[in-house]
Amino acid sequence: MARKKHLKLEYTVTIIIIIAIIILIFPFDFTSSAQANFITRWTDKYSRLEYMFSVINAHESEELLSSLKRAKDSAARERILINLIQPYFRIHKEKLPKRYSVKFLNKTKVPKSNLYYFEDIYISENGMIVGIKDFVNTNSEEPMFIMMFDINGILPPNTWGKDIYGVNIYEDGIEPFGAELPINELKKDCSAFGTGVGCSYYYKIGGGFNE
């Protein structure tokens, strides 16, 4: 009986050693894997957005601009945009749980006074969270709207630059947040010391996360 226990202990120790060797030889970072998945999903989402707005600009650009100019207020302008993107994202307004809170990459909470805080939130058919903010722009160089996409929905990390990304919507197309920044500022913003907002563009051009 003692011999069997001794053999069982030897087998257990051997298995633990083998597992440890495998981990050392083939390290696997679950955080990095999740981030890579988020980035892939974001770049795919952005491609879909580009296609959507290219179709809108090709067929409905003049009518869209006229409708936006005739709109009485911000809510009416937002409804126009929602009706346009509805066939592509199938979104609906829904009250989010109180635990849903958005953070910057540097782990600070996004305050309500911040440009990148979104009050108007929608949930898409696949659980993705979509935020919309309207602007009464004075010229074509300023965005008409900005949008955020939490591609992981209400699940964590709910953080800009991880599972949250965004775009500026202009009269003639869209642009990821951060596209106006030089590469050195993008790197800084897309790091543990930045907001993560610029990651929307940085990852699109092939940048990597900077610890």
N, C-alpha and C. Protein backbone atom coordinates (compact mmCIF):
# COMPACT_ATOMS: atom_id res chain seq x y z
N MET A 1 0.82 -1.19 0.00
CA MET A 1 0.00 0.00 0.00
C MET A 1 0.87 1.26 0.00
N ALA A 2 1.90 1.24 0.82
CA ALA A 2 2.83 2.36 0.89
C ALA A 2 3.53 2.57 -0.43
N ARG A 3 3.84 1.42 -1.09
CA ARG A 3 4.52 1.48 -2.39
C ARG A 3 3.63 2.17 -3.44
N LYS A 4 2.32 1.86 -3.41
CA LYS A 4 1.38 2.47 -4.36
C LYS A 4 1.29 3.97 -4.14
N LYS A 5 1.24 4.39 -2.86
CA LYS A 5 1.17 5.80 -2.54
C LYS A 5 2.42 6.53 -3.02
N HIS A 6 3.59 5.83 -2.84
CA HIS A 6 4.86 6.42 -3.25
C HIS A 6 4.89 6.61 -4.77
N LEU A 7 4.40 5.58 -5.53
CA LEU A 7 4.36 5.68 -6.99
C LEU A 7 3.42 6.79 -7.45
N LYS A 8 2.25 6.91 -6.77
CA LYS A 8 1.27 7.93 -7.11
C LYS A 8 1.86 9.33 -6.92
N LEU A 9 2.63 9.49 -5.83
CA LEU A 9 3.27 10.77 -5.56
C LEU A 9 4.31 11.09 -6.63
N GLU A 10 5.05 10.05 -7.05
CA GLU A 10 6.07 10.25 -8.09
C GLU A 10 5.42 10.68 -9.41
N TYR A 11 4.31 10.03 -9.76
CA TYR A 11 3.60 10.39 -10.99
C TYR A 11 3.10 11.83 -10.92
N THR A 12 2.56 12.22 -9.78
CA THR A 12 2.04 13.59 -9.60
C THR A 12 3.15 14.62 -9.76
N VAL A 13 4.28 14.34 -9.11
CA VAL A 13 5.43 15.26 -9.21
C VAL A 13 5.92 15.34 -10.65
N THR A 14 5.97 14.19 -11.33
CA THR A 14 6.42 14.16 -12.73
C THR A 14 5.51 14.99 -13.62
N ILE A 15 4.20 14.86 -13.43
CA ILE A 15 3.23 15.61 -14.23
C ILE A 15 3.38 17.11 -13.99
N ILE A 16 3.55 17.50 -12.72
CA ILE A 16 3.73 18.92 -12.39
C ILE A 16 4.97 19.49 -13.05
N ILE A 17 6.06 18.70 -13.04
CA ILE A 17 7.30 19.14 -13.67
C ILE A 17 7.13 19.31 -15.17
N ILE A 18 6.43 18.36 -15.81
CA ILE A 18 6.19 18.43 -17.26
C ILE A 18 5.38 19.68 -17.61
N ILE A 19 4.33 19.95 -16.82
CA ILE A 19 3.50 21.14 -17.06
C ILE A 19 4.32 22.41 -16.90
N ALA A 20 5.16 22.45 -15.88
CA ALA A 20 6.01 23.63 -15.64
C ALA A 20 6.96 23.86 -16.80
N ILE A 21 7.54 22.77 -17.34
CA ILE A 21 8.46 22.88 -18.48
C ILE A 21 7.72 23.41 -19.70
N ILE A 22 6.51 22.91 -19.94
CA ILE A 22 5.71 23.36 -21.09
C ILE A 22 5.42 24.85 -20.99
N ILE A 23 5.06 25.32 -19.77
CA ILE A 23 4.76 26.74 -19.57
C ILE A 23 6.00 27.59 -19.81
N LEU A 24 7.16 27.08 -19.37
CA LEU A 24 8.40 27.83 -19.56
C LEU A 24 8.80 27.90 -21.03
N ILE A 25 8.61 26.79 -21.74
CA ILE A 25 9.01 26.74 -23.15
C ILE A 25 8.01 27.47 -24.03
N PHE A 26 6.72 27.32 -23.71
CA PHE A 26 5.68 27.95 -24.52
C PHE A 26 4.83 28.87 -23.64
N PRO A 27 5.38 30.01 -23.25
CA PRO A 27 4.62 30.93 -22.39
C PRO A 27 3.36 31.41 -23.09
N PHE A 28 2.28 31.53 -22.34
CA PHE A 28 1.01 31.95 -22.92
C PHE A 28 0.40 33.05 -22.05
N ASP A 29 0.29 34.21 -22.60
CA ASP A 29 -0.26 35.35 -21.88
C ASP A 29 -1.73 35.51 -22.24
N PHE A 30 -2.61 35.15 -21.29
CA PHE A 30 -4.05 35.22 -21.56
C PHE A 30 -4.49 36.65 -21.81
N THR A 31 -3.87 37.62 -21.11
CA THR A 31 -4.23 39.02 -21.30
C THR A 31 -3.90 39.47 -22.71
N SER A 32 -2.71 39.11 -23.18
CA SER A 32 -2.29 39.48 -24.54
C SER A 32 -3.20 38.85 -25.58
N SER A 33 -3.58 37.61 -25.33
CA SER A 33 -4.47 36.91 -26.27
C SER A 33 -5.82 37.60 -26.35
N ALA A 34 -6.36 38.00 -25.20
CA ALA A 34 -7.65 38.70 -25.18
C ALA A 34 -7.54 40.03 -25.89
N GLN A 35 -6.43 40.76 -25.66
CA GLN A 35 -6.24 42.06 -26.30
C GLN A 35 -6.14 41.90 -27.81
N ALA A 36 -5.43 40.87 -28.26
CA ALA A 36 -5.31 40.62 -29.70
C ALA A 36 -6.68 40.36 -30.31
N ASN A 37 -7.53 39.65 -29.57
CA ASN A 37 -8.88 39.38 -30.04
C ASN A 37 -9.70 40.66 -30.15
N PHE A 38 -9.57 41.54 -29.14
CA PHE A 38 -10.28 42.82 -29.16
C PHE A 38 -9.84 43.66 -30.36
N ILE A 39 -8.54 43.69 -30.61
CA ILE A 39 -8.00 44.49 -31.72
C ILE A 39 -8.51 43.97 -33.05
N THR A 40 -8.51 42.66 -33.22
CA THR A 40 -9.02 42.06 -34.45
C THR A 40 -10.48 42.41 -34.67
N ARG A 41 -11.27 42.32 -33.60
CA ARG A 41 -12.70 42.63 -33.71
C ARG A 41 -12.92 44.10 -34.03
N TRP A 42 -12.07 44.97 -33.46
CA TRP A 42 -12.20 46.39 -33.74
C TRP A 42 -11.86 46.71 -35.20
N THR A 43 -10.77 46.16 -35.71
CA THR A 43 -10.39 46.43 -37.10
C THR A 43 -11.45 45.90 -38.07
N ASP A 44 -12.05 44.76 -37.74
CA ASP A 44 -13.15 44.24 -38.57
C ASP A 44 -14.36 45.18 -38.49
N LYS A 45 -14.65 45.67 -37.28
CA LYS A 45 -15.78 46.58 -37.09
C LYS A 45 -15.56 47.87 -37.85
N TYR A 46 -14.34 48.37 -37.82
CA TYR A 46 -14.05 49.62 -38.52
C TYR A 46 -14.22 49.46 -40.03
N SER A 47 -13.79 48.33 -40.55
CA SER A 47 -13.96 48.07 -41.99
C SER A 47 -15.44 48.08 -42.35
N ARG A 48 -16.26 47.53 -41.48
CA ARG A 48 -17.70 47.51 -41.72
C ARG A 48 -18.28 48.93 -41.67
N LEU A 49 -17.76 49.74 -40.73
CA LEU A 49 -18.20 51.13 -40.64
C LEU A 49 -17.84 51.91 -41.90
N GLU A 50 -16.60 51.71 -42.38
CA GLU A 50 -16.17 52.39 -43.60
C GLU A 50 -17.08 52.04 -44.76
N TYR A 51 -17.40 50.77 -44.89
CA TYR A 51 -18.28 50.34 -45.97
C TYR A 51 -19.66 50.99 -45.82
N MET A 52 -20.19 50.97 -44.60
CA MET A 52 -21.52 51.51 -44.35
C MET A 52 -21.59 52.98 -44.75
N PHE A 53 -20.62 53.78 -44.32
CA PHE A 53 -20.66 55.21 -44.61
C PHE A 53 -20.31 55.51 -46.07
N SER A 54 -19.56 54.64 -46.72
CA SER A 54 -19.31 54.83 -48.15
C SER A 54 -20.60 54.63 -48.94
N VAL A 55 -21.40 53.66 -48.51
CA VAL A 55 -22.70 53.43 -49.15
C VAL A 55 -23.64 54.61 -48.91
N ILE A 56 -23.66 55.09 -47.67
CA ILE A 56 -24.51 56.24 -47.32
C ILE A 56 -24.11 57.47 -48.12
N ASN A 57 -22.79 57.74 -48.21
CA ASN A 57 -22.33 58.91 -48.95
C ASN A 57 -22.61 58.80 -50.44
N ALA A 58 -22.57 57.58 -50.96
CA ALA A 58 -22.80 57.39 -52.39
C ALA A 58 -24.26 57.56 -52.77
N HIS A 59 -25.17 57.23 -51.87
CA HIS A 59 -26.60 57.21 -52.23
C HIS A 59 -27.47 58.20 -51.47
N GLU A 60 -27.00 58.62 -50.29
CA GLU A 60 -27.89 59.44 -49.46
C GLU A 60 -27.22 60.68 -48.90
N SER A 61 -26.06 61.07 -49.40
CA SER A 61 -25.28 62.14 -48.81
C SER A 61 -26.04 63.47 -48.77
N GLU A 62 -26.54 63.93 -49.92
CA GLU A 62 -27.21 65.23 -49.98
C GLU A 62 -28.49 65.23 -49.16
N GLU A 63 -29.25 64.15 -49.27
CA GLU A 63 -30.50 64.05 -48.51
C GLU A 63 -30.22 64.00 -47.01
N LEU A 64 -29.17 63.30 -46.64
CA LEU A 64 -28.79 63.21 -45.23
C LEU A 64 -28.44 64.57 -44.66
N LEU A 65 -27.59 65.31 -45.36
CA LEU A 65 -27.18 66.62 -44.89
C LEU A 65 -28.36 67.57 -44.78
N SER A 66 -29.26 67.50 -45.75
CA SER A 66 -30.47 68.35 -45.72
C SER A 66 -31.33 68.00 -44.52
N SER A 67 -31.49 66.70 -44.25
CA SER A 67 -32.30 66.26 -43.12
C SER A 67 -31.70 66.72 -41.80
N LEU A 68 -30.37 66.63 -41.69
CA LEU A 68 -29.70 67.04 -40.46
C LEU A 68 -29.84 68.55 -40.23
N LYS A 69 -29.77 69.32 -41.32
CA LYS A 69 -29.90 70.77 -41.19
C LYS A 69 -31.33 71.17 -40.81
N ARG A 70 -32.31 70.37 -41.26
CA ARG A 70 -33.71 70.68 -40.95
C ARG A 70 -34.11 70.20 -39.56
N ALA A 71 -33.31 69.31 -38.97
CA ALA A 71 -33.66 68.74 -37.66
C ALA A 71 -33.78 69.84 -36.61
N LYS A 72 -34.78 69.70 -35.74
CA LYS A 72 -35.07 70.73 -34.74
C LYS A 72 -34.05 70.78 -33.62
N ASP A 73 -33.54 69.61 -33.23
CA ASP A 73 -32.62 69.58 -32.10
C ASP A 73 -31.69 68.38 -32.19
N SER A 74 -30.85 68.24 -31.17
CA SER A 74 -29.87 67.17 -31.13
C SER A 74 -30.53 65.79 -31.16
N ALA A 75 -31.64 65.64 -30.43
CA ALA A 75 -32.33 64.35 -30.39
C ALA A 75 -32.84 63.95 -31.77
N ALA A 76 -33.34 64.94 -32.52
CA ALA A 76 -33.85 64.65 -33.86
C ALA A 76 -32.71 64.25 -34.79
N ARG A 77 -31.58 64.92 -34.66
CA ARG A 77 -30.41 64.58 -35.47
C ARG A 77 -29.93 63.16 -35.16
N GLU A 78 -29.95 62.84 -33.89
CA GLU A 78 -29.52 61.50 -33.48
C GLU A 78 -30.43 60.42 -34.05
N ARG A 79 -31.73 60.69 -34.06
CA ARG A 79 -32.68 59.71 -34.61
C ARG A 79 -32.43 59.46 -36.09
N ILE A 80 -32.03 60.52 -36.80
CA ILE A 80 -31.72 60.38 -38.23
C ILE A 80 -30.54 59.43 -38.42
N LEU A 81 -29.50 59.64 -37.59
CA LEU A 81 -28.33 58.76 -37.69
C LEU A 81 -28.68 57.33 -37.31
N ILE A 82 -29.47 57.16 -36.26
CA ILE A 82 -29.88 55.82 -35.82
C ILE A 82 -30.62 55.09 -36.94
N ASN A 83 -31.53 55.80 -37.62
CA ASN A 83 -32.28 55.18 -38.70
C ASN A 83 -31.38 54.75 -39.85
N LEU A 84 -30.29 55.51 -40.06
CA LEU A 84 -29.36 55.17 -41.13
C LEU A 84 -28.53 53.92 -40.82
N ILE A 85 -28.08 53.83 -39.57
CA ILE A 85 -27.20 52.70 -39.23
C ILE A 85 -27.96 51.47 -38.75
N GLN A 86 -29.25 51.62 -38.51
CA GLN A 86 -30.05 50.51 -38.00
C GLN A 86 -29.93 49.23 -38.84
N PRO A 87 -29.99 49.32 -40.17
CA PRO A 87 -29.89 48.08 -40.98
C PRO A 87 -28.54 47.37 -40.84
N TYR A 88 -27.51 48.11 -40.45
CA TYR A 88 -26.17 47.54 -40.38
C TYR A 88 -25.84 47.00 -38.98
N PHE A 89 -26.37 47.64 -37.93
CA PHE A 89 -26.03 47.23 -36.58
C PHE A 89 -27.21 46.74 -35.75
N ARG A 90 -28.43 46.98 -36.21
CA ARG A 90 -29.64 46.52 -35.51
C ARG A 90 -29.57 46.87 -34.02
N ILE A 91 -29.49 48.15 -33.75
CA ILE A 91 -29.35 48.59 -32.37
C ILE A 91 -30.68 49.04 -31.78
N HIS A 92 -30.77 48.99 -30.47
CA HIS A 92 -31.95 49.47 -29.77
C HIS A 92 -31.52 50.06 -28.43
N LYS A 93 -32.24 51.09 -28.01
CA LYS A 93 -31.89 51.75 -26.77
C LYS A 93 -32.30 50.88 -25.60
N GLU A 94 -31.45 50.79 -24.64
CA GLU A 94 -31.71 49.94 -23.49
C GLU A 94 -30.98 50.48 -22.28
N LYS A 95 -31.63 50.43 -21.13
CA LYS A 95 -30.98 50.90 -19.91
C LYS A 95 -29.90 49.92 -19.48
N LEU A 96 -28.69 50.45 -19.31
CA LEU A 96 -27.57 49.59 -18.94
C LEU A 96 -27.54 49.40 -17.42
N PRO A 97 -26.99 48.29 -16.97
CA PRO A 97 -26.88 48.07 -15.52
C PRO A 97 -25.96 49.12 -14.89
N LYS A 98 -26.22 49.44 -13.62
CA LYS A 98 -25.44 50.47 -12.93
C LYS A 98 -23.96 50.13 -12.87
N ARG A 99 -23.65 48.84 -12.92
CA ARG A 99 -22.24 48.46 -12.80
C ARG A 99 -21.44 48.80 -14.05
N TYR A 100 -22.13 49.15 -15.15
CA TYR A 100 -21.39 49.49 -16.38
C TYR A 100 -20.74 50.85 -16.21
N SER A 101 -19.43 50.86 -16.19
CA SER A 101 -18.66 52.09 -16.00
C SER A 101 -17.44 52.05 -16.92
N VAL A 102 -17.22 53.14 -17.62
CA VAL A 102 -16.13 53.18 -18.60
C VAL A 102 -14.90 53.84 -18.02
N LYS A 103 -13.73 53.25 -18.29
CA LYS A 103 -12.45 53.77 -17.80
C LYS A 103 -11.53 54.09 -18.97
N PHE A 104 -10.57 54.97 -18.69
CA PHE A 104 -9.47 55.19 -19.61
C PHE A 104 -8.43 54.10 -19.39
N LEU A 105 -7.46 54.03 -20.28
CA LEU A 105 -6.44 52.99 -20.19
C LEU A 105 -5.56 53.15 -18.95
N ASN A 106 -5.46 54.38 -18.46
CA ASN A 106 -4.67 54.62 -17.25
C ASN A 106 -5.46 54.32 -15.98
N LYS A 107 -6.63 53.68 -16.14
CA LYS A 107 -7.50 53.18 -15.06
C LYS A 107 -8.31 54.27 -14.35
N THR A 108 -8.29 55.49 -14.88
CA THR A 108 -9.15 56.53 -14.31
C THR A 108 -10.53 56.46 -14.96
N LYS A 109 -11.55 56.76 -14.18
CA LYS A 109 -12.92 56.72 -14.69
C LYS A 109 -13.17 57.91 -15.61
N VAL A 110 -13.93 57.67 -16.69
CA VAL A 110 -14.25 58.75 -17.63
C VAL A 110 -15.34 59.62 -16.99
N PRO A 111 -15.03 60.90 -16.70
CA PRO A 111 -16.03 61.76 -16.06
C PRO A 111 -17.11 62.21 -17.05
N LYS A 112 -18.27 62.58 -16.52
CA LYS A 112 -19.38 63.00 -17.38
C LYS A 112 -19.06 64.24 -18.20
N SER A 113 -18.14 65.06 -17.69
CA SER A 113 -17.77 66.30 -18.39
C SER A 113 -16.83 66.06 -19.56
N ASN A 114 -16.32 64.84 -19.69
CA ASN A 114 -15.33 64.53 -20.73
C ASN A 114 -15.98 64.32 -22.09
N LEU A 115 -15.25 64.71 -23.14
CA LEU A 115 -15.73 64.53 -24.51
C LEU A 115 -16.09 63.08 -24.81
N TYR A 116 -15.35 62.16 -24.19
CA TYR A 116 -15.52 60.74 -24.51
C TYR A 116 -16.43 60.00 -23.52
N TYR A 117 -17.24 60.77 -22.83
CA TYR A 117 -18.31 60.18 -22.02
C TYR A 117 -19.59 60.22 -22.84
N PHE A 118 -20.26 59.09 -22.95
CA PHE A 118 -21.47 58.98 -23.78
C PHE A 118 -22.69 58.69 -22.91
N GLU A 119 -23.68 59.57 -23.01
CA GLU A 119 -24.93 59.34 -22.29
C GLU A 119 -25.91 58.54 -23.13
N ASP A 120 -25.89 58.78 -24.44
CA ASP A 120 -26.81 58.08 -25.33
C ASP A 120 -26.20 56.75 -25.76
N ILE A 121 -26.68 55.70 -25.14
CA ILE A 121 -26.11 54.37 -25.31
C ILE A 121 -27.15 53.41 -25.91
N TYR A 122 -26.68 52.59 -26.83
CA TYR A 122 -27.55 51.60 -27.46
C TYR A 122 -26.86 50.24 -27.39
N ILE A 123 -27.64 49.19 -27.50
CA ILE A 123 -27.10 47.84 -27.53
C ILE A 123 -27.46 47.20 -28.86
N SER A 124 -26.47 46.61 -29.51
CA SER A 124 -26.72 45.99 -30.81
C SER A 124 -27.20 44.56 -30.63
N GLU A 125 -27.56 43.97 -31.74
CA GLU A 125 -28.11 42.62 -31.73
C GLU A 125 -27.14 41.61 -31.12
N ASN A 126 -25.84 41.80 -31.32
CA ASN A 126 -24.86 40.85 -30.81
C ASN A 126 -24.30 41.24 -29.44
N GLY A 127 -24.94 42.21 -28.78
CA GLY A 127 -24.51 42.60 -27.44
C GLY A 127 -23.51 43.73 -27.38
N MET A 128 -23.00 44.17 -28.53
CA MET A 128 -22.06 45.28 -28.55
C MET A 128 -22.76 46.56 -28.10
N ILE A 129 -22.05 47.40 -27.34
CA ILE A 129 -22.60 48.68 -26.89
C ILE A 129 -22.15 49.77 -27.85
N VAL A 130 -23.09 50.59 -28.29
CA VAL A 130 -22.81 51.69 -29.21
C VAL A 130 -23.23 53.00 -28.56
N GLY A 131 -22.30 53.95 -28.50
CA GLY A 131 -22.60 55.27 -27.96
C GLY A 131 -22.58 56.31 -29.07
N ILE A 132 -23.46 57.29 -28.99
CA ILE A 132 -23.56 58.33 -30.01
C ILE A 132 -23.60 59.70 -29.35
N LYS A 133 -22.82 60.63 -29.88
CA LYS A 133 -22.87 62.01 -29.40
C LYS A 133 -22.96 62.93 -30.61
N ASP A 134 -23.91 63.84 -30.55
CA ASP A 134 -24.19 64.75 -31.67
C ASP A 134 -23.49 66.09 -31.47
N PHE A 135 -23.02 66.68 -32.59
CA PHE A 135 -22.45 68.02 -32.56
C PHE A 135 -23.12 68.87 -33.63
N VAL A 136 -23.38 70.12 -33.29
CA VAL A 136 -23.86 71.06 -34.31
C VAL A 136 -22.61 71.70 -34.90
N ASN A 137 -22.10 71.08 -35.95
CA ASN A 137 -20.83 71.55 -36.52
C ASN A 137 -21.04 72.80 -37.36
N THR A 138 -20.03 73.67 -37.35
CA THR A 138 -20.12 74.91 -38.11
C THR A 138 -19.47 74.82 -39.48
N ASN A 139 -18.66 73.80 -39.70
CA ASN A 139 -18.06 73.61 -41.03
C ASN A 139 -17.78 72.13 -41.26
N SER A 140 -17.48 71.77 -42.50
CA SER A 140 -17.32 70.37 -42.90
C SER A 140 -16.08 69.71 -42.30
N GLU A 141 -15.16 70.52 -41.74
CA GLU A 141 -13.94 69.97 -41.15
C GLU A 141 -14.17 69.45 -39.74
N GLU A 142 -15.30 69.78 -39.15
CA GLU A 142 -15.62 69.32 -37.80
C GLU A 142 -16.57 68.13 -37.88
N PRO A 143 -16.48 67.20 -36.93
CA PRO A 143 -17.37 66.03 -36.97
C PRO A 143 -18.83 66.40 -36.70
N MET A 144 -19.74 65.69 -37.37
CA MET A 144 -21.17 65.85 -37.10
C MET A 144 -21.56 65.05 -35.87
N PHE A 145 -20.94 63.87 -35.74
CA PHE A 145 -21.19 62.97 -34.62
C PHE A 145 -19.88 62.31 -34.22
N ILE A 146 -19.84 61.78 -33.01
CA ILE A 146 -18.80 60.83 -32.65
C ILE A 146 -19.51 59.59 -32.12
N MET A 147 -18.87 58.44 -32.31
CA MET A 147 -19.46 57.18 -31.87
C MET A 147 -18.41 56.35 -31.13
N MET A 148 -18.87 55.62 -30.11
CA MET A 148 -18.01 54.67 -29.41
C MET A 148 -18.57 53.27 -29.58
N PHE A 149 -17.69 52.29 -29.55
CA PHE A 149 -18.09 50.90 -29.70
C PHE A 149 -17.41 50.06 -28.63
N ASP A 150 -18.19 49.57 -27.69
CA ASP A 150 -17.67 48.62 -26.70
C ASP A 150 -17.94 47.24 -27.28
N ILE A 151 -16.95 46.70 -27.95
CA ILE A 151 -17.16 45.47 -28.71
C ILE A 151 -17.36 44.25 -27.82
N ASN A 152 -17.07 44.42 -26.52
CA ASN A 152 -17.26 43.34 -25.57
C ASN A 152 -18.54 43.50 -24.76
N GLY A 153 -19.34 44.50 -25.12
CA GLY A 153 -20.60 44.74 -24.42
C GLY A 153 -20.39 45.11 -22.96
N ILE A 154 -21.30 44.65 -22.12
CA ILE A 154 -21.22 44.99 -20.69
C ILE A 154 -20.13 44.23 -19.95
N LEU A 155 -19.55 43.24 -20.61
CA LEU A 155 -18.47 42.48 -19.98
C LEU A 155 -17.22 43.34 -19.84
N PRO A 156 -16.40 43.12 -18.81
CA PRO A 156 -15.17 43.89 -18.65
C PRO A 156 -14.19 43.57 -19.77
N PRO A 157 -13.21 44.46 -20.00
CA PRO A 157 -12.75 45.52 -19.08
C PRO A 157 -13.45 46.86 -19.23
N ASN A 158 -14.28 47.09 -20.27
CA ASN A 158 -14.97 48.37 -20.47
C ASN A 158 -13.99 49.53 -20.40
N THR A 159 -12.93 49.42 -21.18
CA THR A 159 -11.82 50.38 -21.12
C THR A 159 -11.44 50.85 -22.51
N TRP A 160 -11.28 52.17 -22.65
CA TRP A 160 -10.80 52.73 -23.91
C TRP A 160 -9.42 52.13 -24.25
N GLY A 161 -9.29 51.68 -25.49
CA GLY A 161 -8.02 51.11 -25.92
C GLY A 161 -7.91 49.62 -25.70
N LYS A 162 -8.88 49.05 -24.96
CA LYS A 162 -8.91 47.60 -24.77
C LYS A 162 -10.11 47.03 -25.53
N ASP A 163 -11.31 47.25 -24.99
CA ASP A 163 -12.49 46.78 -25.73
C ASP A 163 -13.38 47.92 -26.19
N ILE A 164 -12.94 49.18 -25.97
CA ILE A 164 -13.72 50.34 -26.44
C ILE A 164 -12.90 51.16 -27.42
N TYR A 165 -13.53 51.49 -28.55
CA TYR A 165 -12.90 52.29 -29.60
C TYR A 165 -13.92 53.27 -30.15
N GLY A 166 -13.46 54.23 -30.96
CA GLY A 166 -14.41 55.22 -31.44
C GLY A 166 -14.01 55.89 -32.74
N VAL A 167 -14.99 56.60 -33.32
CA VAL A 167 -14.78 57.27 -34.60
C VAL A 167 -15.42 58.66 -34.60
N ASN A 168 -14.82 59.54 -35.41
CA ASN A 168 -15.44 60.82 -35.77
C ASN A 168 -16.21 60.61 -37.06
N ILE A 169 -17.41 61.17 -37.14
CA ILE A 169 -18.21 61.07 -38.36
C ILE A 169 -18.32 62.45 -38.99
N TYR A 170 -17.77 62.59 -40.20
CA TYR A 170 -17.79 63.85 -40.92
C TYR A 170 -18.81 63.79 -42.05
N GLU A 171 -18.96 64.92 -42.73
CA GLU A 171 -19.90 64.96 -43.85
C GLU A 171 -19.51 64.00 -44.96
N ASP A 172 -18.19 63.80 -45.12
CA ASP A 172 -17.73 62.98 -46.24
C ASP A 172 -17.11 61.65 -45.83
N GLY A 173 -17.27 61.23 -44.57
CA GLY A 173 -16.72 59.94 -44.17
C GLY A 173 -16.44 59.85 -42.68
N ILE A 174 -15.63 58.88 -42.31
CA ILE A 174 -15.32 58.65 -40.90
C ILE A 174 -13.81 58.59 -40.69
N GLU A 175 -13.41 58.71 -39.43
CA GLU A 175 -11.99 58.67 -39.08
C GLU A 175 -11.87 58.16 -37.64
N PRO A 176 -10.95 57.25 -37.36
CA PRO A 176 -10.81 56.75 -35.98
C PRO A 176 -10.28 57.84 -35.06
N PHE A 177 -10.65 57.78 -33.80
CA PHE A 177 -10.08 58.69 -32.82
C PHE A 177 -8.57 58.54 -32.81
N GLY A 178 -7.87 59.66 -32.77
CA GLY A 178 -6.41 59.64 -32.71
C GLY A 178 -5.73 59.82 -34.04
N ALA A 179 -6.50 59.88 -35.12
CA ALA A 179 -5.90 59.98 -36.46
C ALA A 179 -5.13 61.28 -36.66
N GLU A 180 -5.46 62.29 -35.86
CA GLU A 180 -4.80 63.60 -36.00
C GLU A 180 -3.50 63.69 -35.21
N LEU A 181 -3.20 62.67 -34.40
CA LEU A 181 -2.03 62.72 -33.52
C LEU A 181 -0.77 62.18 -34.21
N PRO A 182 0.40 62.77 -33.93
CA PRO A 182 1.66 62.21 -34.44
C PRO A 182 1.94 60.87 -33.76
N ILE A 183 2.76 60.05 -34.37
CA ILE A 183 2.97 58.69 -33.91
C ILE A 183 3.51 58.62 -32.48
N ASN A 184 4.36 59.56 -32.08
CA ASN A 184 4.91 59.51 -30.71
C ASN A 184 3.82 59.76 -29.67
N GLU A 185 2.85 60.65 -30.00
CA GLU A 185 1.74 60.90 -29.08
C GLU A 185 0.76 59.73 -29.06
N LEU A 186 0.60 59.09 -30.21
CA LEU A 186 -0.26 57.90 -30.27
C LEU A 186 0.29 56.80 -29.37
N LYS A 187 1.60 56.58 -29.46
CA LYS A 187 2.25 55.55 -28.63
C LYS A 187 2.03 55.83 -27.15
N LYS A 188 2.19 57.09 -26.78
CA LYS A 188 2.03 57.47 -25.37
C LYS A 188 0.58 57.28 -24.93
N ASP A 189 -0.36 57.69 -25.79
CA ASP A 189 -1.77 57.58 -25.41
C ASP A 189 -2.22 56.13 -25.37
N CYS A 190 -1.64 55.31 -26.23
CA CYS A 190 -2.02 53.89 -26.27
C CYS A 190 -1.07 53.08 -25.38
N SER A 191 -0.92 53.54 -24.16
CA SER A 191 -0.08 52.86 -23.18
C SER A 191 -0.79 52.90 -21.84
N ALA A 192 -0.21 52.25 -20.86
CA ALA A 192 -0.82 52.21 -19.53
C ALA A 192 -0.87 53.59 -18.87
N PHE A 193 -0.18 54.58 -19.47
CA PHE A 193 -0.16 55.93 -18.91
C PHE A 193 -1.07 56.88 -19.67
N GLY A 194 -1.72 56.40 -20.74
CA GLY A 194 -2.56 57.27 -21.56
C GLY A 194 -4.04 56.99 -21.39
N THR A 195 -4.84 57.67 -22.21
CA THR A 195 -6.29 57.48 -22.14
C THR A 195 -6.74 56.24 -22.89
N GLY A 196 -5.99 55.87 -23.93
CA GLY A 196 -6.39 54.72 -24.74
C GLY A 196 -7.31 55.10 -25.88
N VAL A 197 -7.77 56.35 -25.92
CA VAL A 197 -8.67 56.79 -26.99
C VAL A 197 -7.98 56.71 -28.35
N GLY A 198 -6.70 57.11 -28.38
CA GLY A 198 -5.94 57.10 -29.63
C GLY A 198 -5.67 55.71 -30.17
N CYS A 199 -5.89 54.68 -29.35
CA CYS A 199 -5.70 53.30 -29.82
C CYS A 199 -6.61 52.98 -31.00
N SER A 200 -7.73 53.69 -31.09
CA SER A 200 -8.67 53.45 -32.18
C SER A 200 -7.97 53.57 -33.53
N TYR A 201 -7.07 54.54 -33.63
CA TYR A 201 -6.30 54.71 -34.87
C TYR A 201 -4.99 53.93 -34.83
N TYR A 202 -4.35 53.94 -33.67
CA TYR A 202 -3.02 53.31 -33.53
C TYR A 202 -3.06 51.83 -33.90
N TYR A 203 -4.08 51.11 -33.44
CA TYR A 203 -4.18 49.69 -33.76
C TYR A 203 -4.54 49.47 -35.22
N LYS A 204 -5.28 50.40 -35.79
CA LYS A 204 -5.67 50.27 -37.19
C LYS A 204 -4.46 50.33 -38.12
N ILE A 205 -3.45 51.11 -37.71
CA ILE A 205 -2.25 51.22 -38.55
C ILE A 205 -1.17 50.22 -38.14
N GLY A 206 -1.54 49.27 -37.27
CA GLY A 206 -0.61 48.19 -36.94
C GLY A 206 0.20 48.39 -35.68
N GLY A 207 -0.13 49.41 -34.87
CA GLY A 207 0.60 49.64 -33.64
C GLY A 207 0.32 48.56 -32.60
N GLY A 208 1.22 48.43 -31.62
CA GLY A 208 1.06 47.44 -30.57
C GLY A 208 0.94 48.11 -29.22
N PHE A 209 0.35 47.42 -28.25
CA PHE A 209 0.17 47.99 -26.92
C PHE A 209 1.50 48.19 -26.24
N ASN A 210 1.66 49.36 -25.61
CA ASN A 210 2.89 49.68 -24.89
C ASN A 210 2.65 49.67 -23.39
N GLU A 211 3.28 48.70 -22.70
CA GLU A 211 3.10 48.62 -21.25
C GLU A 211 3.73 49.82 -20.55
